[in-house]
């Protein structure tokens, strides 16, 4: 989960200090992005931010964010549980 962006900022700084390429992709399940998180993330050399739609999307589109839906995955999981089918195939999706 990305809340304030402080942990992401620290991780990006460590990666850069260790010689990582400055075009970093950040992925998180929940993009809460409270307070000044968006401004903090904008200042970092993040090429792409990937967060799911588990929370309401933030109206600010200035971040290079991609927000895939988890609805198909949840639908499939609920259907499999209802029909007593294994969830293993869900883990094999790419």
N, C-alpha and C. Protein backbone atom coordinates (compact mmCIF):
# COMPACT_ATOMS: atom_id res chain seq x y z
N UNK A 1 0.85 -1.17 0.00
CA UNK A 1 0.00 0.00 0.00
C UNK A 1 0.90 1.23 0.00
N UNK A 2 0.54 2.19 -0.81
CA UNK A 2 1.24 3.47 -0.79
C UNK A 2 0.32 4.47 -0.12
N UNK A 3 0.73 4.94 1.03
CA UNK A 3 -0.06 5.92 1.76
C UNK A 3 0.52 7.31 1.57
N UNK A 4 1.65 7.60 2.22
CA UNK A 4 2.27 8.92 2.09
C UNK A 4 3.37 8.94 1.04
N UNK A 5 3.82 7.76 0.63
CA UNK A 5 4.90 7.67 -0.35
C UNK A 5 6.29 7.70 0.26
N UNK A 6 6.39 7.82 1.58
CA UNK A 6 7.68 7.90 2.25
C UNK A 6 8.53 6.65 2.06
N UNK A 7 7.93 5.49 2.17
CA UNK A 7 8.68 4.24 1.99
C UNK A 7 9.11 4.08 0.55
N UNK A 8 8.25 4.44 -0.38
CA UNK A 8 8.60 4.37 -1.80
C UNK A 8 9.77 5.32 -2.07
N UNK A 9 9.69 6.52 -1.53
CA UNK A 9 10.77 7.48 -1.74
C UNK A 9 12.10 6.94 -1.20
N UNK A 10 12.07 6.38 0.00
CA UNK A 10 13.30 5.83 0.59
C UNK A 10 13.84 4.68 -0.25
N UNK A 11 12.95 3.82 -0.73
CA UNK A 11 13.38 2.67 -1.54
C UNK A 11 13.99 3.14 -2.86
N UNK A 12 13.38 4.12 -3.49
CA UNK A 12 13.90 4.65 -4.75
C UNK A 12 15.28 5.27 -4.53
N UNK A 13 15.44 6.01 -3.44
CA UNK A 13 16.74 6.62 -3.14
C UNK A 13 17.82 5.56 -2.95
N UNK A 14 17.49 4.47 -2.24
CA UNK A 14 18.45 3.38 -2.04
C UNK A 14 18.81 2.74 -3.37
N UNK A 15 17.80 2.47 -4.19
CA UNK A 15 18.06 1.87 -5.50
C UNK A 15 18.99 2.75 -6.34
N UNK A 16 18.73 4.04 -6.34
CA UNK A 16 19.57 4.96 -7.12
C UNK A 16 20.98 5.01 -6.55
N UNK A 17 21.10 5.03 -5.22
CA UNK A 17 22.42 5.04 -4.59
C UNK A 17 23.22 3.78 -4.92
N UNK A 18 22.51 2.67 -5.16
CA UNK A 18 23.18 1.41 -5.49
C UNK A 18 23.39 1.24 -6.99
N UNK A 19 23.06 2.27 -7.77
CA UNK A 19 23.34 2.23 -9.19
C UNK A 19 22.22 1.78 -10.09
N UNK A 20 21.00 1.72 -9.58
CA UNK A 20 19.86 1.32 -10.42
C UNK A 20 19.61 2.37 -11.49
N UNK A 21 19.05 1.94 -12.60
CA UNK A 21 18.65 2.87 -13.66
C UNK A 21 17.58 3.80 -13.10
N UNK A 22 17.61 5.07 -13.47
CA UNK A 22 16.68 6.04 -12.90
C UNK A 22 15.24 5.95 -13.41
N UNK A 23 14.93 4.97 -14.24
CA UNK A 23 13.55 4.81 -14.70
C UNK A 23 12.94 3.63 -13.96
N UNK A 24 12.31 3.92 -12.85
CA UNK A 24 11.83 2.89 -11.92
C UNK A 24 10.32 2.72 -12.06
N UNK A 25 9.87 1.47 -11.98
CA UNK A 25 8.45 1.15 -11.95
C UNK A 25 8.08 0.77 -10.52
N UNK A 26 7.02 1.36 -10.01
CA UNK A 26 6.54 1.08 -8.65
C UNK A 26 5.18 0.41 -8.77
N UNK A 27 5.01 -0.71 -8.05
CA UNK A 27 3.73 -1.43 -8.05
C UNK A 27 3.23 -1.61 -6.63
N UNK A 28 1.94 -1.40 -6.44
CA UNK A 28 1.32 -1.58 -5.12
C UNK A 28 -0.12 -2.02 -5.31
N UNK A 29 -0.61 -2.78 -4.37
CA UNK A 29 -2.00 -3.22 -4.42
C UNK A 29 -2.95 -2.06 -4.15
N UNK A 30 -2.66 -1.27 -3.13
CA UNK A 30 -3.55 -0.18 -2.74
C UNK A 30 -2.84 1.16 -2.90
N UNK A 31 -3.40 2.05 -3.69
CA UNK A 31 -2.83 3.38 -3.88
C UNK A 31 -3.63 4.42 -3.12
N UNK A 32 -3.45 4.47 -1.82
CA UNK A 32 -4.18 5.42 -1.00
C UNK A 32 -3.76 6.86 -1.31
N UNK A 33 -2.46 7.11 -1.40
CA UNK A 33 -1.89 8.40 -1.79
C UNK A 33 -2.50 9.57 -1.02
N UNK A 34 -2.30 9.58 0.29
CA UNK A 34 -2.80 10.66 1.13
C UNK A 34 -1.80 11.80 1.21
N UNK A 35 -2.27 12.91 1.77
CA UNK A 35 -1.44 14.09 2.04
C UNK A 35 -0.65 14.50 0.81
N UNK A 36 0.66 14.62 0.96
CA UNK A 36 1.50 15.09 -0.14
C UNK A 36 2.14 13.95 -0.91
N UNK A 37 1.55 12.77 -0.87
CA UNK A 37 2.13 11.60 -1.53
C UNK A 37 2.31 11.81 -3.02
N UNK A 38 1.33 12.39 -3.67
CA UNK A 38 1.44 12.57 -5.12
C UNK A 38 2.58 13.50 -5.47
N UNK A 39 2.72 14.59 -4.74
CA UNK A 39 3.83 15.51 -5.00
C UNK A 39 5.17 14.82 -4.73
N UNK A 40 5.25 14.05 -3.67
CA UNK A 40 6.47 13.31 -3.34
C UNK A 40 6.83 12.34 -4.46
N UNK A 41 5.84 11.62 -4.97
CA UNK A 41 6.09 10.65 -6.03
C UNK A 41 6.45 11.34 -7.35
N UNK A 42 5.86 12.50 -7.61
CA UNK A 42 6.17 13.25 -8.83
C UNK A 42 7.64 13.67 -8.89
N UNK A 43 8.23 13.93 -7.74
CA UNK A 43 9.62 14.37 -7.69
C UNK A 43 10.62 13.24 -7.92
N UNK A 44 10.15 12.00 -7.87
CA UNK A 44 11.03 10.85 -8.03
C UNK A 44 11.11 10.43 -9.50
N UNK A 45 12.20 9.78 -9.89
CA UNK A 45 12.32 9.32 -11.28
C UNK A 45 11.55 8.02 -11.51
N UNK A 46 10.25 8.07 -11.23
CA UNK A 46 9.39 6.90 -11.41
C UNK A 46 8.85 6.93 -12.84
N UNK A 47 9.16 5.89 -13.59
CA UNK A 47 8.69 5.80 -14.97
C UNK A 47 7.20 5.47 -15.01
N UNK A 48 6.80 4.57 -14.10
CA UNK A 48 5.41 4.13 -14.10
C UNK A 48 4.99 3.74 -12.69
N UNK A 49 3.78 4.10 -12.33
CA UNK A 49 3.18 3.71 -11.06
C UNK A 49 2.01 2.80 -11.38
N UNK A 50 1.99 1.64 -10.76
CA UNK A 50 0.94 0.66 -11.01
C UNK A 50 0.24 0.37 -9.68
N UNK A 51 -1.04 0.73 -9.58
CA UNK A 51 -1.84 0.43 -8.40
C UNK A 51 -3.18 -0.13 -8.87
N UNK A 52 -3.75 -1.04 -8.10
CA UNK A 52 -5.03 -1.61 -8.50
C UNK A 52 -6.17 -0.68 -8.10
N UNK A 53 -7.37 -1.02 -8.53
CA UNK A 53 -8.55 -0.20 -8.23
C UNK A 53 -9.26 -0.65 -6.95
N UNK A 54 -8.50 -1.15 -5.98
CA UNK A 54 -9.11 -1.58 -4.72
C UNK A 54 -9.60 -0.40 -3.90
N UNK A 55 -9.11 0.79 -4.21
CA UNK A 55 -9.58 2.02 -3.59
C UNK A 55 -10.05 2.94 -4.70
N UNK A 56 -10.89 3.89 -4.34
CA UNK A 56 -11.39 4.83 -5.35
C UNK A 56 -10.21 5.56 -6.00
N UNK A 57 -10.21 5.67 -7.32
CA UNK A 57 -9.09 6.35 -7.98
C UNK A 57 -9.03 7.82 -7.61
N UNK A 58 -7.83 8.32 -7.50
CA UNK A 58 -7.64 9.74 -7.20
C UNK A 58 -7.86 10.55 -8.47
N UNK A 59 -8.51 11.68 -8.37
CA UNK A 59 -8.83 12.45 -9.58
C UNK A 59 -7.61 13.05 -10.28
N UNK A 60 -6.48 13.19 -9.57
CA UNK A 60 -5.30 13.80 -10.17
C UNK A 60 -4.64 12.81 -11.13
N UNK A 61 -4.57 13.15 -12.39
CA UNK A 61 -3.98 12.28 -13.40
C UNK A 61 -2.55 12.67 -13.73
N UNK A 62 -1.94 13.54 -12.92
CA UNK A 62 -0.59 14.02 -13.22
C UNK A 62 0.46 12.93 -13.03
N UNK A 63 0.16 11.94 -12.22
CA UNK A 63 1.10 10.85 -12.05
C UNK A 63 0.98 9.88 -13.22
N UNK A 64 2.09 9.30 -13.63
CA UNK A 64 2.02 8.31 -14.71
C UNK A 64 1.52 6.97 -14.17
N UNK A 65 0.28 6.94 -13.72
CA UNK A 65 -0.26 5.76 -13.05
C UNK A 65 -1.09 4.90 -13.99
N UNK A 66 -1.00 3.61 -13.79
CA UNK A 66 -1.85 2.64 -14.47
C UNK A 66 -2.65 1.96 -13.38
N UNK A 67 -3.97 1.84 -13.57
CA UNK A 67 -4.85 1.30 -12.54
C UNK A 67 -5.67 0.15 -13.11
N UNK A 68 -5.11 -1.08 -13.09
CA UNK A 68 -5.90 -2.23 -13.57
C UNK A 68 -6.97 -2.62 -12.56
N UNK A 69 -8.04 -3.20 -13.05
CA UNK A 69 -9.14 -3.63 -12.20
C UNK A 69 -8.88 -5.02 -11.62
N UNK A 70 -9.23 -5.19 -10.36
CA UNK A 70 -9.14 -6.50 -9.73
C UNK A 70 -10.46 -7.26 -9.84
N UNK A 71 -11.49 -6.64 -10.41
CA UNK A 71 -12.82 -7.24 -10.49
C UNK A 71 -12.81 -8.61 -11.18
N UNK A 72 -12.15 -8.80 -12.33
CA UNK A 72 -12.17 -10.12 -12.95
C UNK A 72 -11.54 -11.20 -12.08
N UNK A 73 -10.46 -10.86 -11.39
CA UNK A 73 -9.81 -11.82 -10.50
C UNK A 73 -10.72 -12.20 -9.33
N UNK A 74 -11.35 -11.20 -8.73
CA UNK A 74 -12.26 -11.47 -7.61
C UNK A 74 -13.47 -12.27 -8.06
N UNK A 75 -14.00 -11.95 -9.23
CA UNK A 75 -15.14 -12.69 -9.77
C UNK A 75 -14.79 -14.16 -9.96
N UNK A 76 -13.64 -14.41 -10.56
CA UNK A 76 -13.19 -15.77 -10.79
C UNK A 76 -12.96 -16.50 -9.47
N UNK A 77 -12.34 -15.85 -8.50
CA UNK A 77 -12.07 -16.49 -7.21
C UNK A 77 -13.37 -16.84 -6.49
N UNK A 78 -14.32 -15.93 -6.48
CA UNK A 78 -15.61 -16.19 -5.81
C UNK A 78 -16.33 -17.34 -6.50
N UNK A 79 -16.33 -17.35 -7.84
CA UNK A 79 -16.98 -18.44 -8.57
C UNK A 79 -16.33 -19.78 -8.26
N UNK A 80 -14.99 -19.80 -8.21
CA UNK A 80 -14.29 -21.05 -7.91
C UNK A 80 -14.60 -21.53 -6.50
N UNK A 81 -14.62 -20.61 -5.55
CA UNK A 81 -14.95 -20.99 -4.18
C UNK A 81 -16.38 -21.52 -4.08
N UNK A 82 -17.29 -20.86 -4.78
CA UNK A 82 -18.70 -21.28 -4.76
C UNK A 82 -18.88 -22.68 -5.34
N UNK A 83 -18.09 -23.01 -6.35
CA UNK A 83 -18.20 -24.32 -7.01
C UNK A 83 -17.18 -25.32 -6.48
N UNK A 84 -16.54 -24.98 -5.35
CA UNK A 84 -15.55 -25.85 -4.71
C UNK A 84 -14.44 -26.26 -5.69
N UNK A 85 -13.96 -25.29 -6.47
CA UNK A 85 -12.88 -25.51 -7.42
C UNK A 85 -11.59 -24.92 -6.85
N UNK A 86 -10.45 -25.44 -7.28
CA UNK A 86 -9.17 -24.93 -6.74
C UNK A 86 -8.88 -23.51 -7.21
N UNK A 87 -8.14 -22.78 -6.38
CA UNK A 87 -7.73 -21.42 -6.72
C UNK A 87 -6.36 -21.38 -7.39
N UNK A 88 -5.69 -22.53 -7.46
CA UNK A 88 -4.35 -22.59 -8.04
C UNK A 88 -4.26 -21.96 -9.43
N UNK A 89 -5.22 -22.20 -10.32
CA UNK A 89 -5.11 -21.59 -11.67
C UNK A 89 -5.04 -20.06 -11.64
N UNK A 90 -5.59 -19.46 -10.61
CA UNK A 90 -5.53 -17.98 -10.52
C UNK A 90 -4.10 -17.51 -10.29
N UNK A 91 -3.31 -18.32 -9.62
CA UNK A 91 -1.92 -17.96 -9.35
C UNK A 91 -1.04 -18.08 -10.58
N UNK A 92 -1.51 -18.79 -11.58
CA UNK A 92 -0.72 -19.04 -12.78
C UNK A 92 -0.95 -17.98 -13.85
N UNK A 93 -1.88 -17.05 -13.63
CA UNK A 93 -2.15 -16.01 -14.62
C UNK A 93 -0.97 -15.05 -14.70
N UNK A 94 -0.76 -14.55 -15.89
CA UNK A 94 0.32 -13.54 -16.04
C UNK A 94 -0.26 -12.23 -16.46
